[in-house]
């Protein structure tokens, strides 16, 4: 629940967006008809930045949004966009009382996940903070290889149409690539749970 600042005039509200790039450069934009100083950043009027369609996430879903804009050498320059300086940039959206910009409410924060261009126009796809929960961390402990055939971890130079079932026997027998196998072929499988001692057999741990 957001707490509104005391004295906020709901009839004089506008939007402001503050973009912080990874190289430390910070830019501000507003849909008001004049520049505003918001949270210590000068937000330019008519800077060519506006919100697009959004899809809010429920619970822990990341949610998606978009920002639309026009390239402007005084704001978002074409060369900076092409150089990737906005990749992963942080974006904060504010609701501001333009008559007293110190009275403001932060609506959301996001990260620029992808950028696309068409002529002088651009579209930034934004991902909310919960998007980090979808990142894969670590590796899965499984008998199968978790590399992709032909990638850097696999190291095999593949012919068109080649496939791999990610099994140890295939990696060794078909591709002679056992040294790069990225699975755990001797790990116990689900059948291990059903094993039990049998009279007359050697129960020395050698049977899975």
N, C-alpha and C. Protein backbone atom coordinates (compact mmCIF):
# COMPACT_ATOMS: atom_id res chain seq x y z
N UNK A 1 0.86 -1.19 0.00
CA UNK A 1 0.00 0.00 0.00
C UNK A 1 0.89 1.24 0.00
N UNK A 2 0.63 2.17 -0.92
CA UNK A 2 1.44 3.38 -1.01
C UNK A 2 0.87 4.47 -0.11
N UNK A 3 1.75 5.22 0.52
CA UNK A 3 1.34 6.36 1.34
C UNK A 3 1.51 7.62 0.52
N UNK A 4 0.43 8.37 0.35
CA UNK A 4 0.49 9.60 -0.42
C UNK A 4 1.09 10.71 0.41
N UNK A 5 1.99 11.52 -0.17
CA UNK A 5 2.59 12.62 0.59
C UNK A 5 1.55 13.66 0.97
N UNK A 6 1.75 14.26 2.12
CA UNK A 6 0.80 15.26 2.60
C UNK A 6 0.77 16.45 1.65
N UNK A 7 -0.43 16.91 1.30
CA UNK A 7 -0.58 18.07 0.44
C UNK A 7 -0.56 17.76 -1.04
N UNK A 8 -0.50 16.49 -1.41
CA UNK A 8 -0.48 16.12 -2.83
C UNK A 8 -1.78 16.55 -3.49
N UNK A 9 -1.67 17.36 -4.53
CA UNK A 9 -2.85 17.87 -5.25
C UNK A 9 -3.19 16.91 -6.38
N UNK A 10 -4.24 16.12 -6.20
CA UNK A 10 -4.61 15.10 -7.18
C UNK A 10 -5.05 15.68 -8.52
N UNK A 11 -5.37 16.96 -8.54
CA UNK A 11 -5.80 17.60 -9.79
C UNK A 11 -4.61 18.10 -10.61
N UNK A 12 -3.40 17.98 -10.06
CA UNK A 12 -2.23 18.51 -10.74
C UNK A 12 -1.14 17.44 -10.87
N UNK A 13 -1.56 16.26 -11.24
CA UNK A 13 -0.61 15.15 -11.31
C UNK A 13 -0.13 14.92 -12.75
N UNK A 14 1.12 14.53 -12.88
CA UNK A 14 1.67 14.12 -14.16
C UNK A 14 2.58 12.93 -13.91
N UNK A 15 3.10 12.36 -14.98
CA UNK A 15 4.02 11.22 -14.86
C UNK A 15 5.46 11.69 -15.08
N UNK A 16 6.37 10.97 -14.47
CA UNK A 16 7.79 11.18 -14.73
C UNK A 16 8.47 9.82 -14.73
N UNK A 17 9.50 9.70 -15.56
CA UNK A 17 10.26 8.46 -15.65
C UNK A 17 11.74 8.78 -15.52
N UNK A 18 12.43 8.04 -14.70
CA UNK A 18 13.87 8.23 -14.51
C UNK A 18 14.58 6.96 -14.95
N UNK A 19 15.51 7.09 -15.88
CA UNK A 19 16.24 5.96 -16.44
C UNK A 19 17.69 6.05 -15.98
N UNK A 20 18.17 4.98 -15.36
CA UNK A 20 19.56 4.93 -14.88
C UNK A 20 20.30 3.83 -15.64
N UNK A 21 21.28 4.24 -16.46
CA UNK A 21 22.04 3.29 -17.25
C UNK A 21 23.13 2.65 -16.41
N UNK A 22 23.66 1.52 -16.92
CA UNK A 22 24.71 0.81 -16.20
C UNK A 22 25.99 1.61 -16.09
N UNK A 23 26.21 2.57 -17.03
CA UNK A 23 27.43 3.38 -16.98
C UNK A 23 27.30 4.59 -16.07
N UNK A 24 26.17 4.67 -15.33
CA UNK A 24 25.99 5.74 -14.36
C UNK A 24 25.24 6.95 -14.86
N UNK A 25 24.99 7.05 -16.16
CA UNK A 25 24.24 8.18 -16.71
C UNK A 25 22.76 8.05 -16.35
N UNK A 26 22.18 9.15 -15.87
CA UNK A 26 20.77 9.17 -15.47
C UNK A 26 20.02 10.19 -16.31
N UNK A 27 18.88 9.78 -16.85
CA UNK A 27 18.04 10.65 -17.68
C UNK A 27 16.63 10.68 -17.12
N UNK A 28 15.95 11.83 -17.29
CA UNK A 28 14.59 11.94 -16.80
C UNK A 28 13.65 12.46 -17.88
N UNK A 29 12.41 12.02 -17.83
CA UNK A 29 11.40 12.42 -18.80
C UNK A 29 10.07 12.65 -18.08
N UNK A 30 9.23 13.51 -18.62
CA UNK A 30 7.92 13.75 -18.04
C UNK A 30 6.91 14.03 -19.15
N UNK A 31 5.64 13.73 -18.86
CA UNK A 31 4.58 14.06 -19.82
C UNK A 31 3.96 15.42 -19.52
N UNK A 32 4.55 16.17 -18.57
CA UNK A 32 4.09 17.53 -18.30
C UNK A 32 4.57 18.45 -19.43
N UNK A 33 4.05 19.67 -19.47
CA UNK A 33 4.41 20.58 -20.57
C UNK A 33 5.65 21.42 -20.28
N UNK A 34 6.30 21.19 -19.14
CA UNK A 34 7.58 21.86 -18.86
C UNK A 34 8.46 20.91 -18.05
N UNK A 35 9.75 21.19 -18.06
CA UNK A 35 10.70 20.34 -17.33
C UNK A 35 10.43 20.41 -15.84
N UNK A 36 10.67 19.28 -15.16
CA UNK A 36 10.47 19.20 -13.71
C UNK A 36 11.70 18.57 -13.06
N UNK A 37 12.01 19.01 -11.85
CA UNK A 37 13.08 18.39 -11.07
C UNK A 37 12.44 17.35 -10.16
N UNK A 38 12.67 16.07 -10.47
CA UNK A 38 12.02 14.98 -9.75
C UNK A 38 13.09 14.10 -9.10
N UNK A 39 13.03 14.00 -7.79
CA UNK A 39 13.98 13.15 -7.05
C UNK A 39 15.43 13.50 -7.42
N UNK A 40 15.69 14.78 -7.61
CA UNK A 40 17.03 15.24 -7.92
C UNK A 40 17.44 15.14 -9.37
N UNK A 41 16.53 14.71 -10.25
CA UNK A 41 16.83 14.53 -11.67
C UNK A 41 15.93 15.46 -12.49
N UNK A 42 16.52 16.17 -13.45
CA UNK A 42 15.73 17.01 -14.34
C UNK A 42 15.02 16.14 -15.37
N UNK A 43 13.71 16.14 -15.32
CA UNK A 43 12.90 15.34 -16.25
C UNK A 43 12.41 16.24 -17.37
N UNK A 44 12.82 15.93 -18.60
CA UNK A 44 12.53 16.77 -19.76
C UNK A 44 11.11 16.58 -20.27
N UNK A 45 10.48 17.69 -20.56
CA UNK A 45 9.17 17.65 -21.22
C UNK A 45 9.38 17.41 -22.70
N UNK A 46 8.52 16.64 -23.31
CA UNK A 46 8.64 16.38 -24.73
C UNK A 46 9.89 15.62 -25.09
N UNK A 47 10.34 14.76 -24.18
CA UNK A 47 11.58 14.02 -24.42
C UNK A 47 11.40 12.76 -25.23
N UNK A 48 10.17 12.51 -25.70
CA UNK A 48 9.96 11.36 -26.57
C UNK A 48 9.85 10.05 -25.84
N UNK A 49 9.46 10.07 -24.57
CA UNK A 49 9.31 8.83 -23.80
C UNK A 49 7.89 8.77 -23.28
N UNK A 50 7.20 7.65 -23.51
CA UNK A 50 5.84 7.50 -23.03
C UNK A 50 5.57 6.03 -22.72
N UNK A 51 4.63 5.74 -21.80
CA UNK A 51 4.34 4.34 -21.48
C UNK A 51 3.55 3.67 -22.59
N UNK A 52 3.81 2.39 -22.79
CA UNK A 52 3.05 1.59 -23.73
C UNK A 52 2.15 0.63 -22.97
N UNK A 53 1.81 -0.49 -23.60
CA UNK A 53 0.94 -1.47 -22.96
C UNK A 53 1.66 -2.12 -21.80
N UNK A 54 0.91 -2.50 -20.79
CA UNK A 54 1.50 -3.17 -19.63
C UNK A 54 0.65 -4.34 -19.22
N UNK A 55 1.32 -5.28 -18.58
CA UNK A 55 0.64 -6.48 -18.08
C UNK A 55 1.18 -6.75 -16.69
N UNK A 56 0.38 -6.47 -15.68
CA UNK A 56 0.85 -6.63 -14.32
C UNK A 56 0.92 -8.09 -13.94
N UNK A 57 1.95 -8.44 -13.16
CA UNK A 57 2.10 -9.81 -12.70
C UNK A 57 1.28 -10.05 -11.46
N UNK A 58 0.81 -11.26 -11.25
CA UNK A 58 0.05 -11.64 -10.07
C UNK A 58 0.96 -12.48 -9.18
N UNK A 59 0.96 -12.20 -7.88
CA UNK A 59 1.80 -12.96 -6.97
C UNK A 59 3.27 -12.76 -7.32
N UNK A 60 3.94 -13.86 -7.64
CA UNK A 60 5.36 -13.79 -7.96
C UNK A 60 5.63 -13.74 -9.45
N UNK A 61 4.61 -13.58 -10.28
CA UNK A 61 4.83 -13.46 -11.72
C UNK A 61 5.57 -12.16 -12.00
N UNK A 62 6.47 -12.14 -12.99
CA UNK A 62 7.30 -10.96 -13.19
C UNK A 62 6.57 -9.75 -13.72
N UNK A 63 5.54 -9.94 -14.55
CA UNK A 63 4.86 -8.80 -15.13
C UNK A 63 5.66 -8.23 -16.28
N UNK A 64 4.98 -7.62 -17.22
CA UNK A 64 5.64 -7.03 -18.38
C UNK A 64 5.05 -5.65 -18.63
N UNK A 65 5.87 -4.77 -19.17
CA UNK A 65 5.40 -3.45 -19.57
C UNK A 65 6.24 -3.00 -20.75
N UNK A 66 5.87 -1.88 -21.33
CA UNK A 66 6.63 -1.36 -22.47
C UNK A 66 6.68 0.15 -22.37
N UNK A 67 7.75 0.71 -22.93
CA UNK A 67 7.87 2.16 -23.05
C UNK A 67 8.16 2.47 -24.51
N UNK A 68 7.56 3.53 -25.01
CA UNK A 68 7.73 3.92 -26.40
C UNK A 68 8.44 5.27 -26.44
N UNK A 69 9.19 5.50 -27.50
CA UNK A 69 9.88 6.77 -27.58
C UNK A 69 10.42 7.06 -28.96
N UNK A 70 10.94 8.27 -29.10
CA UNK A 70 11.55 8.72 -30.34
C UNK A 70 12.99 9.12 -30.03
N UNK A 71 13.93 8.71 -30.86
CA UNK A 71 15.33 9.04 -30.65
C UNK A 71 15.54 10.54 -30.72
N UNK A 72 16.34 11.05 -29.79
CA UNK A 72 16.55 12.48 -29.67
C UNK A 72 17.96 12.67 -29.13
N UNK A 73 18.82 13.38 -29.86
CA UNK A 73 20.21 13.54 -29.45
C UNK A 73 20.34 14.21 -28.09
N UNK A 74 19.35 14.99 -27.69
CA UNK A 74 19.39 15.63 -26.37
C UNK A 74 18.85 14.71 -25.28
N UNK A 75 18.25 13.59 -25.68
CA UNK A 75 17.72 12.64 -24.70
C UNK A 75 18.32 11.27 -24.93
N UNK A 76 17.55 10.39 -25.57
CA UNK A 76 18.04 9.05 -25.90
C UNK A 76 18.61 9.10 -27.31
N UNK A 77 19.93 9.10 -27.39
CA UNK A 77 20.61 9.25 -28.67
C UNK A 77 20.72 7.90 -29.38
N UNK A 78 20.68 7.97 -30.69
CA UNK A 78 20.76 6.76 -31.51
C UNK A 78 22.05 6.00 -31.27
N UNK A 79 23.18 6.71 -31.17
CA UNK A 79 24.47 6.06 -30.98
C UNK A 79 24.52 5.31 -29.66
N UNK A 80 23.94 5.90 -28.60
CA UNK A 80 23.93 5.24 -27.28
C UNK A 80 23.07 4.00 -27.30
N UNK A 81 21.95 4.08 -28.02
CA UNK A 81 21.06 2.92 -28.12
C UNK A 81 21.76 1.79 -28.87
N UNK A 82 22.43 2.12 -29.97
CA UNK A 82 23.12 1.11 -30.76
C UNK A 82 24.30 0.51 -30.00
N UNK A 83 24.90 1.29 -29.10
CA UNK A 83 26.05 0.81 -28.33
C UNK A 83 25.64 -0.08 -27.16
N UNK A 84 24.32 -0.26 -26.96
CA UNK A 84 23.85 -1.13 -25.89
C UNK A 84 23.88 -0.50 -24.51
N UNK A 85 23.98 0.84 -24.44
CA UNK A 85 24.08 1.49 -23.14
C UNK A 85 22.78 1.44 -22.35
N UNK A 86 21.67 1.12 -23.02
CA UNK A 86 20.40 1.03 -22.31
C UNK A 86 20.02 -0.41 -21.97
N UNK A 87 20.83 -1.37 -22.38
CA UNK A 87 20.54 -2.76 -22.03
C UNK A 87 20.65 -2.94 -20.52
N UNK A 88 19.59 -3.42 -19.90
CA UNK A 88 19.60 -3.64 -18.46
C UNK A 88 19.46 -2.39 -17.62
N UNK A 89 19.16 -1.24 -18.26
CA UNK A 89 19.00 0.01 -17.51
C UNK A 89 17.80 -0.08 -16.57
N UNK A 90 17.88 0.63 -15.45
CA UNK A 90 16.79 0.65 -14.48
C UNK A 90 15.85 1.81 -14.79
N UNK A 91 14.56 1.56 -14.65
CA UNK A 91 13.54 2.58 -14.92
C UNK A 91 12.63 2.70 -13.71
N UNK A 92 12.41 3.93 -13.26
CA UNK A 92 11.48 4.18 -12.17
C UNK A 92 10.39 5.13 -12.67
N UNK A 93 9.14 4.78 -12.41
CA UNK A 93 8.01 5.61 -12.81
C UNK A 93 7.43 6.32 -11.59
N UNK A 94 7.16 7.60 -11.73
CA UNK A 94 6.67 8.41 -10.63
C UNK A 94 5.37 9.11 -11.03
N UNK A 95 4.56 9.38 -10.02
CA UNK A 95 3.39 10.25 -10.17
C UNK A 95 3.72 11.51 -9.37
N UNK A 96 3.69 12.66 -10.05
CA UNK A 96 4.25 13.89 -9.47
C UNK A 96 3.22 15.01 -9.49
N UNK A 97 3.19 15.78 -8.41
CA UNK A 97 2.42 17.02 -8.38
C UNK A 97 3.27 18.08 -9.07
N UNK A 98 2.90 18.48 -10.29
CA UNK A 98 3.76 19.39 -11.05
C UNK A 98 3.88 20.76 -10.41
N UNK A 99 2.92 21.14 -9.55
CA UNK A 99 3.01 22.43 -8.87
C UNK A 99 4.00 22.40 -7.72
N UNK A 100 4.32 21.20 -7.23
CA UNK A 100 5.30 21.02 -6.15
C UNK A 100 5.94 19.64 -6.35
N UNK A 101 6.93 19.52 -7.24
CA UNK A 101 7.48 18.20 -7.61
C UNK A 101 8.07 17.39 -6.45
N UNK A 102 8.29 18.02 -5.31
CA UNK A 102 8.77 17.25 -4.16
C UNK A 102 7.67 16.35 -3.60
N UNK A 103 6.43 16.61 -3.99
CA UNK A 103 5.31 15.75 -3.60
C UNK A 103 5.12 14.72 -4.71
N UNK A 104 5.52 13.54 -4.46
CA UNK A 104 5.53 12.51 -5.51
C UNK A 104 5.36 11.13 -4.91
N UNK A 105 4.95 10.19 -5.76
CA UNK A 105 4.77 8.80 -5.38
C UNK A 105 5.43 7.93 -6.44
N UNK A 106 6.27 7.02 -6.01
CA UNK A 106 6.87 6.09 -6.98
C UNK A 106 5.88 4.98 -7.27
N UNK A 107 5.58 4.79 -8.55
CA UNK A 107 4.58 3.80 -8.96
C UNK A 107 5.20 2.41 -9.10
N UNK A 108 6.34 2.32 -9.77
CA UNK A 108 6.98 1.03 -9.98
C UNK A 108 8.42 1.23 -10.42
N UNK A 109 9.17 0.15 -10.34
CA UNK A 109 10.53 0.12 -10.89
C UNK A 109 10.64 -1.09 -11.80
N UNK A 110 11.50 -1.01 -12.79
CA UNK A 110 11.65 -2.10 -13.75
C UNK A 110 13.05 -2.03 -14.36
N UNK A 111 13.35 -3.03 -15.18
CA UNK A 111 14.62 -3.10 -15.89
C UNK A 111 14.32 -3.26 -17.38
N UNK A 112 15.09 -2.58 -18.21
CA UNK A 112 14.91 -2.74 -19.65
C UNK A 112 15.44 -4.11 -20.06
N UNK A 113 14.53 -4.98 -20.48
CA UNK A 113 14.90 -6.35 -20.84
C UNK A 113 15.27 -6.48 -22.31
N UNK A 114 14.67 -5.67 -23.17
CA UNK A 114 14.94 -5.75 -24.61
C UNK A 114 14.56 -4.43 -25.26
N UNK A 115 15.24 -4.12 -26.37
CA UNK A 115 14.97 -2.90 -27.12
C UNK A 115 14.80 -3.24 -28.59
N UNK A 116 13.86 -2.59 -29.23
CA UNK A 116 13.69 -2.76 -30.68
C UNK A 116 13.51 -1.38 -31.29
N UNK A 117 13.93 -1.27 -32.55
CA UNK A 117 13.86 0.01 -33.24
C UNK A 117 13.15 -0.11 -34.57
N UNK A 118 12.50 0.99 -34.97
CA UNK A 118 11.93 1.10 -36.31
C UNK A 118 12.08 2.54 -36.74
N UNK A 119 13.10 2.80 -37.55
CA UNK A 119 13.40 4.17 -37.92
C UNK A 119 13.89 4.95 -36.71
N UNK A 120 13.27 6.11 -36.46
CA UNK A 120 13.65 6.93 -35.31
C UNK A 120 12.89 6.56 -34.04
N UNK A 121 11.97 5.65 -34.15
CA UNK A 121 11.19 5.23 -32.98
C UNK A 121 11.81 4.00 -32.34
N UNK A 122 11.59 3.84 -31.04
CA UNK A 122 12.08 2.65 -30.34
C UNK A 122 11.01 2.16 -29.36
N UNK A 123 11.13 0.92 -29.00
CA UNK A 123 10.27 0.31 -27.99
C UNK A 123 11.14 -0.43 -27.00
N UNK A 124 10.96 -0.14 -25.72
CA UNK A 124 11.70 -0.80 -24.65
C UNK A 124 10.76 -1.74 -23.91
N UNK A 125 11.12 -3.01 -23.84
CA UNK A 125 10.34 -3.99 -23.07
C UNK A 125 10.89 -4.00 -21.65
N UNK A 126 10.01 -3.82 -20.68
CA UNK A 126 10.40 -3.69 -19.28
C UNK A 126 9.98 -4.92 -18.49
N UNK A 127 10.83 -5.34 -17.59
CA UNK A 127 10.53 -6.47 -16.71
C UNK A 127 10.60 -6.00 -15.26
N UNK A 128 9.61 -6.39 -14.46
CA UNK A 128 9.56 -5.99 -13.06
C UNK A 128 10.58 -6.71 -12.21
N UNK A 129 10.74 -6.31 -10.94
CA UNK A 129 11.74 -6.91 -10.06
C UNK A 129 11.58 -8.41 -9.88
N UNK A 130 10.34 -8.92 -9.94
CA UNK A 130 10.13 -10.35 -9.72
C UNK A 130 10.63 -11.20 -10.88
N UNK A 131 11.01 -10.57 -12.00
CA UNK A 131 11.53 -11.34 -13.13
C UNK A 131 12.80 -12.09 -12.75
N UNK A 132 13.53 -11.55 -11.74
CA UNK A 132 14.76 -12.22 -11.31
C UNK A 132 14.49 -13.60 -10.74
N UNK A 133 13.25 -13.84 -10.28
CA UNK A 133 12.90 -15.15 -9.73
C UNK A 133 12.86 -16.23 -10.80
N UNK A 134 12.77 -15.84 -12.08
CA UNK A 134 12.70 -16.82 -13.16
C UNK A 134 14.08 -17.24 -13.66
N UNK A 135 15.13 -16.55 -13.20
CA UNK A 135 16.46 -16.90 -13.67
C UNK A 135 16.88 -18.25 -13.09
N UNK A 136 17.52 -19.04 -13.93
CA UNK A 136 18.01 -20.34 -13.48
C UNK A 136 19.35 -20.15 -12.79
N UNK A 137 19.46 -20.62 -11.57
CA UNK A 137 20.71 -20.52 -10.82
C UNK A 137 21.21 -21.92 -10.51
N UNK A 138 22.48 -22.17 -10.78
CA UNK A 138 23.03 -23.48 -10.51
C UNK A 138 22.70 -24.48 -11.60
N UNK A 139 22.91 -25.76 -11.31
CA UNK A 139 22.68 -26.82 -12.28
C UNK A 139 21.74 -27.87 -11.70
N UNK A 140 21.10 -28.61 -12.58
CA UNK A 140 20.24 -29.71 -12.18
C UNK A 140 21.06 -30.99 -12.07
N UNK A 141 20.91 -31.70 -10.95
CA UNK A 141 21.63 -32.96 -10.74
C UNK A 141 20.84 -34.07 -11.42
N UNK A 142 21.28 -34.48 -12.60
CA UNK A 142 20.55 -35.48 -13.38
C UNK A 142 21.53 -36.33 -14.17
N UNK A 143 21.08 -37.52 -14.57
CA UNK A 143 21.92 -38.41 -15.37
C UNK A 143 22.16 -37.85 -16.77
N UNK A 144 21.22 -37.04 -17.27
CA UNK A 144 21.32 -36.52 -18.63
C UNK A 144 22.21 -35.29 -18.68
N UNK A 145 22.81 -35.06 -19.84
CA UNK A 145 23.65 -33.89 -20.06
C UNK A 145 22.77 -32.65 -20.16
N UNK A 146 23.21 -31.55 -19.55
CA UNK A 146 22.41 -30.31 -19.62
C UNK A 146 23.00 -29.29 -20.57
N UNK A 147 23.95 -29.70 -21.42
CA UNK A 147 24.47 -28.82 -22.47
C UNK A 147 23.61 -28.96 -23.71
N UNK A 148 23.71 -27.98 -24.59
CA UNK A 148 23.02 -28.05 -25.87
C UNK A 148 24.01 -28.51 -26.93
N UNK A 149 23.57 -29.44 -27.76
CA UNK A 149 24.45 -30.00 -28.77
C UNK A 149 25.06 -28.90 -29.63
N UNK A 150 26.39 -28.83 -29.65
CA UNK A 150 27.09 -27.86 -30.46
C UNK A 150 27.43 -26.57 -29.76
N UNK A 151 26.96 -26.34 -28.49
CA UNK A 151 27.30 -25.09 -27.82
C UNK A 151 28.70 -25.17 -27.21
N UNK A 152 29.13 -24.10 -26.57
CA UNK A 152 30.50 -24.02 -26.05
C UNK A 152 30.77 -25.07 -24.99
N UNK A 153 29.77 -25.41 -24.18
CA UNK A 153 29.96 -26.40 -23.12
C UNK A 153 30.03 -27.81 -23.68
N UNK A 154 29.33 -28.02 -24.80
CA UNK A 154 29.35 -29.33 -25.45
C UNK A 154 30.64 -29.51 -26.24
N UNK A 155 30.96 -28.54 -27.09
CA UNK A 155 32.20 -28.58 -27.84
C UNK A 155 32.20 -29.41 -29.10
N UNK A 156 31.05 -30.00 -29.44
CA UNK A 156 30.97 -30.83 -30.65
C UNK A 156 30.63 -29.95 -31.85
N UNK A 157 31.35 -30.13 -32.94
CA UNK A 157 31.00 -29.47 -34.20
C UNK A 157 29.98 -30.33 -34.91
N UNK A 158 28.76 -29.82 -35.01
CA UNK A 158 27.65 -30.65 -35.51
C UNK A 158 27.39 -30.41 -36.99
N UNK A 159 26.84 -31.45 -37.61
CA UNK A 159 26.36 -31.35 -38.99
C UNK A 159 24.88 -30.97 -38.94
N UNK A 160 24.35 -30.33 -39.99
CA UNK A 160 22.92 -29.97 -40.01
C UNK A 160 22.04 -31.20 -39.76
N UNK A 161 21.09 -31.04 -38.86
CA UNK A 161 20.16 -32.12 -38.57
C UNK A 161 20.61 -33.08 -37.50
N UNK A 162 21.82 -32.91 -36.99
CA UNK A 162 22.30 -33.81 -35.93
C UNK A 162 21.53 -33.58 -34.65
N UNK A 163 21.25 -34.67 -33.94
CA UNK A 163 20.52 -34.59 -32.68
C UNK A 163 21.22 -35.42 -31.62
N UNK A 164 20.89 -35.14 -30.37
CA UNK A 164 21.48 -35.88 -29.26
C UNK A 164 20.41 -36.08 -28.20
N UNK A 165 20.33 -37.29 -27.65
CA UNK A 165 19.34 -37.56 -26.60
C UNK A 165 19.90 -37.28 -25.21
N UNK A 166 21.14 -36.72 -25.14
CA UNK A 166 21.76 -36.26 -23.91
C UNK A 166 22.14 -37.40 -22.95
N UNK A 167 22.21 -38.61 -23.45
CA UNK A 167 22.63 -39.75 -22.63
C UNK A 167 24.13 -39.96 -22.74
N UNK A 168 24.71 -40.53 -21.68
CA UNK A 168 26.14 -40.83 -21.63
C UNK A 168 26.56 -41.76 -22.76
N UNK A 169 25.76 -42.77 -23.02
CA UNK A 169 26.10 -43.73 -24.05
C UNK A 169 26.14 -43.08 -25.43
N UNK A 170 25.23 -42.13 -25.68
CA UNK A 170 25.22 -41.43 -26.95
C UNK A 170 26.42 -40.49 -27.07
N UNK A 171 26.71 -39.78 -25.99
CA UNK A 171 27.83 -38.84 -26.00
C UNK A 171 29.14 -39.57 -26.30
N UNK A 172 29.33 -40.74 -25.69
CA UNK A 172 30.57 -41.50 -25.88
C UNK A 172 30.56 -42.27 -27.19
N UNK A 173 29.47 -42.98 -27.46
CA UNK A 173 29.43 -43.87 -28.61
C UNK A 173 29.25 -43.19 -29.94
N UNK A 174 28.46 -42.10 -29.97
CA UNK A 174 28.16 -41.43 -31.24
C UNK A 174 29.12 -40.25 -31.49
N UNK A 175 29.35 -39.47 -30.44
CA UNK A 175 30.13 -38.24 -30.62
C UNK A 175 31.55 -38.32 -30.05
N UNK A 176 31.89 -39.41 -29.36
CA UNK A 176 33.22 -39.56 -28.75
C UNK A 176 33.59 -38.32 -27.94
N UNK A 177 32.63 -37.88 -27.11
CA UNK A 177 32.77 -36.60 -26.42
C UNK A 177 32.57 -36.73 -24.91
N UNK A 178 32.92 -37.91 -24.39
CA UNK A 178 32.69 -38.16 -22.97
C UNK A 178 33.37 -37.16 -22.06
N UNK A 179 34.49 -36.59 -22.49
CA UNK A 179 35.22 -35.64 -21.66
C UNK A 179 34.42 -34.37 -21.39
N UNK A 180 33.47 -34.05 -22.29
CA UNK A 180 32.64 -32.85 -22.12
C UNK A 180 31.22 -33.16 -21.66
N UNK A 181 30.95 -34.40 -21.28
CA UNK A 181 29.59 -34.76 -20.84
C UNK A 181 29.23 -33.94 -19.61
N UNK A 182 28.07 -33.27 -19.64
CA UNK A 182 27.66 -32.35 -18.58
C UNK A 182 26.55 -32.91 -17.70
N UNK A 183 26.49 -34.22 -17.58
CA UNK A 183 25.53 -34.85 -16.69
C UNK A 183 26.23 -35.68 -15.64
N UNK A 184 25.48 -36.46 -14.90
CA UNK A 184 25.99 -37.32 -13.84
C UNK A 184 25.47 -38.74 -14.09
N UNK A 185 26.12 -39.47 -15.01
CA UNK A 185 25.56 -40.75 -15.46
C UNK A 185 25.48 -41.82 -14.38
N UNK A 186 26.26 -41.72 -13.31
CA UNK A 186 26.23 -42.74 -12.26
C UNK A 186 25.34 -42.35 -11.09
N UNK A 187 24.62 -41.24 -11.20
CA UNK A 187 23.76 -40.84 -10.09
C UNK A 187 22.56 -41.78 -10.00
N UNK A 188 22.06 -42.05 -8.78
CA UNK A 188 20.90 -42.93 -8.62
C UNK A 188 19.66 -42.36 -9.27
N UNK A 189 18.88 -43.22 -9.91
CA UNK A 189 17.62 -42.80 -10.48
C UNK A 189 16.46 -43.19 -9.59
N UNK A 190 15.23 -43.08 -10.11
CA UNK A 190 14.05 -43.42 -9.31
C UNK A 190 14.02 -44.90 -8.98
N UNK A 191 14.67 -45.75 -9.81
CA UNK A 191 14.67 -47.18 -9.55
C UNK A 191 15.42 -47.51 -8.27
N UNK A 192 16.30 -46.62 -7.83
CA UNK A 192 17.06 -46.86 -6.62
C UNK A 192 16.14 -46.97 -5.40
N UNK A 193 15.02 -46.28 -5.42
CA UNK A 193 14.10 -46.28 -4.30
C UNK A 193 13.39 -47.62 -4.14
N UNK A 194 13.33 -48.42 -5.20
CA UNK A 194 12.60 -49.69 -5.14
C UNK A 194 13.52 -50.88 -4.88
N UNK A 195 14.82 -50.65 -4.79
CA UNK A 195 15.75 -51.75 -4.55
C UNK A 195 15.68 -52.22 -3.10
N UNK A 196 15.92 -53.50 -2.90
CA UNK A 196 15.91 -54.06 -1.55
C UNK A 196 16.87 -55.25 -1.52
N UNK A 197 17.38 -55.62 -0.34
CA UNK A 197 18.31 -56.74 -0.25
C UNK A 197 17.65 -58.05 -0.67
N UNK A 198 18.39 -58.87 -1.38
CA UNK A 198 17.90 -60.17 -1.81
C UNK A 198 18.82 -61.24 -1.24
N UNK A 199 18.23 -62.27 -0.66
CA UNK A 199 19.00 -63.34 -0.02
C UNK A 199 19.89 -64.04 -1.05
N UNK A 200 21.13 -64.22 -0.70
CA UNK A 200 22.06 -64.89 -1.58
C UNK A 200 22.87 -63.97 -2.45
N UNK A 201 22.48 -62.69 -2.52
CA UNK A 201 23.25 -61.73 -3.32
C UNK A 201 24.25 -61.00 -2.44
N UNK A 202 25.29 -60.50 -3.08
CA UNK A 202 26.25 -59.68 -2.36
C UNK A 202 25.68 -58.29 -2.16
N UNK A 203 25.53 -57.88 -0.92
CA UNK A 203 24.99 -56.56 -0.64
C UNK A 203 26.12 -55.66 -0.13
N UNK A 204 27.02 -55.35 -1.06
CA UNK A 204 28.20 -54.59 -0.70
C UNK A 204 28.18 -53.17 -1.26
N UNK A 205 27.00 -52.72 -1.70
CA UNK A 205 26.89 -51.38 -2.24
C UNK A 205 27.21 -51.27 -3.71
N UNK A 206 27.60 -52.38 -4.34
CA UNK A 206 27.97 -52.32 -5.75
C UNK A 206 26.79 -52.39 -6.69
N UNK A 207 25.61 -52.71 -6.19
CA UNK A 207 24.42 -52.81 -7.04
C UNK A 207 23.49 -51.64 -6.74
N UNK A 208 23.09 -50.94 -7.80
CA UNK A 208 22.15 -49.83 -7.63
C UNK A 208 20.72 -50.32 -7.85
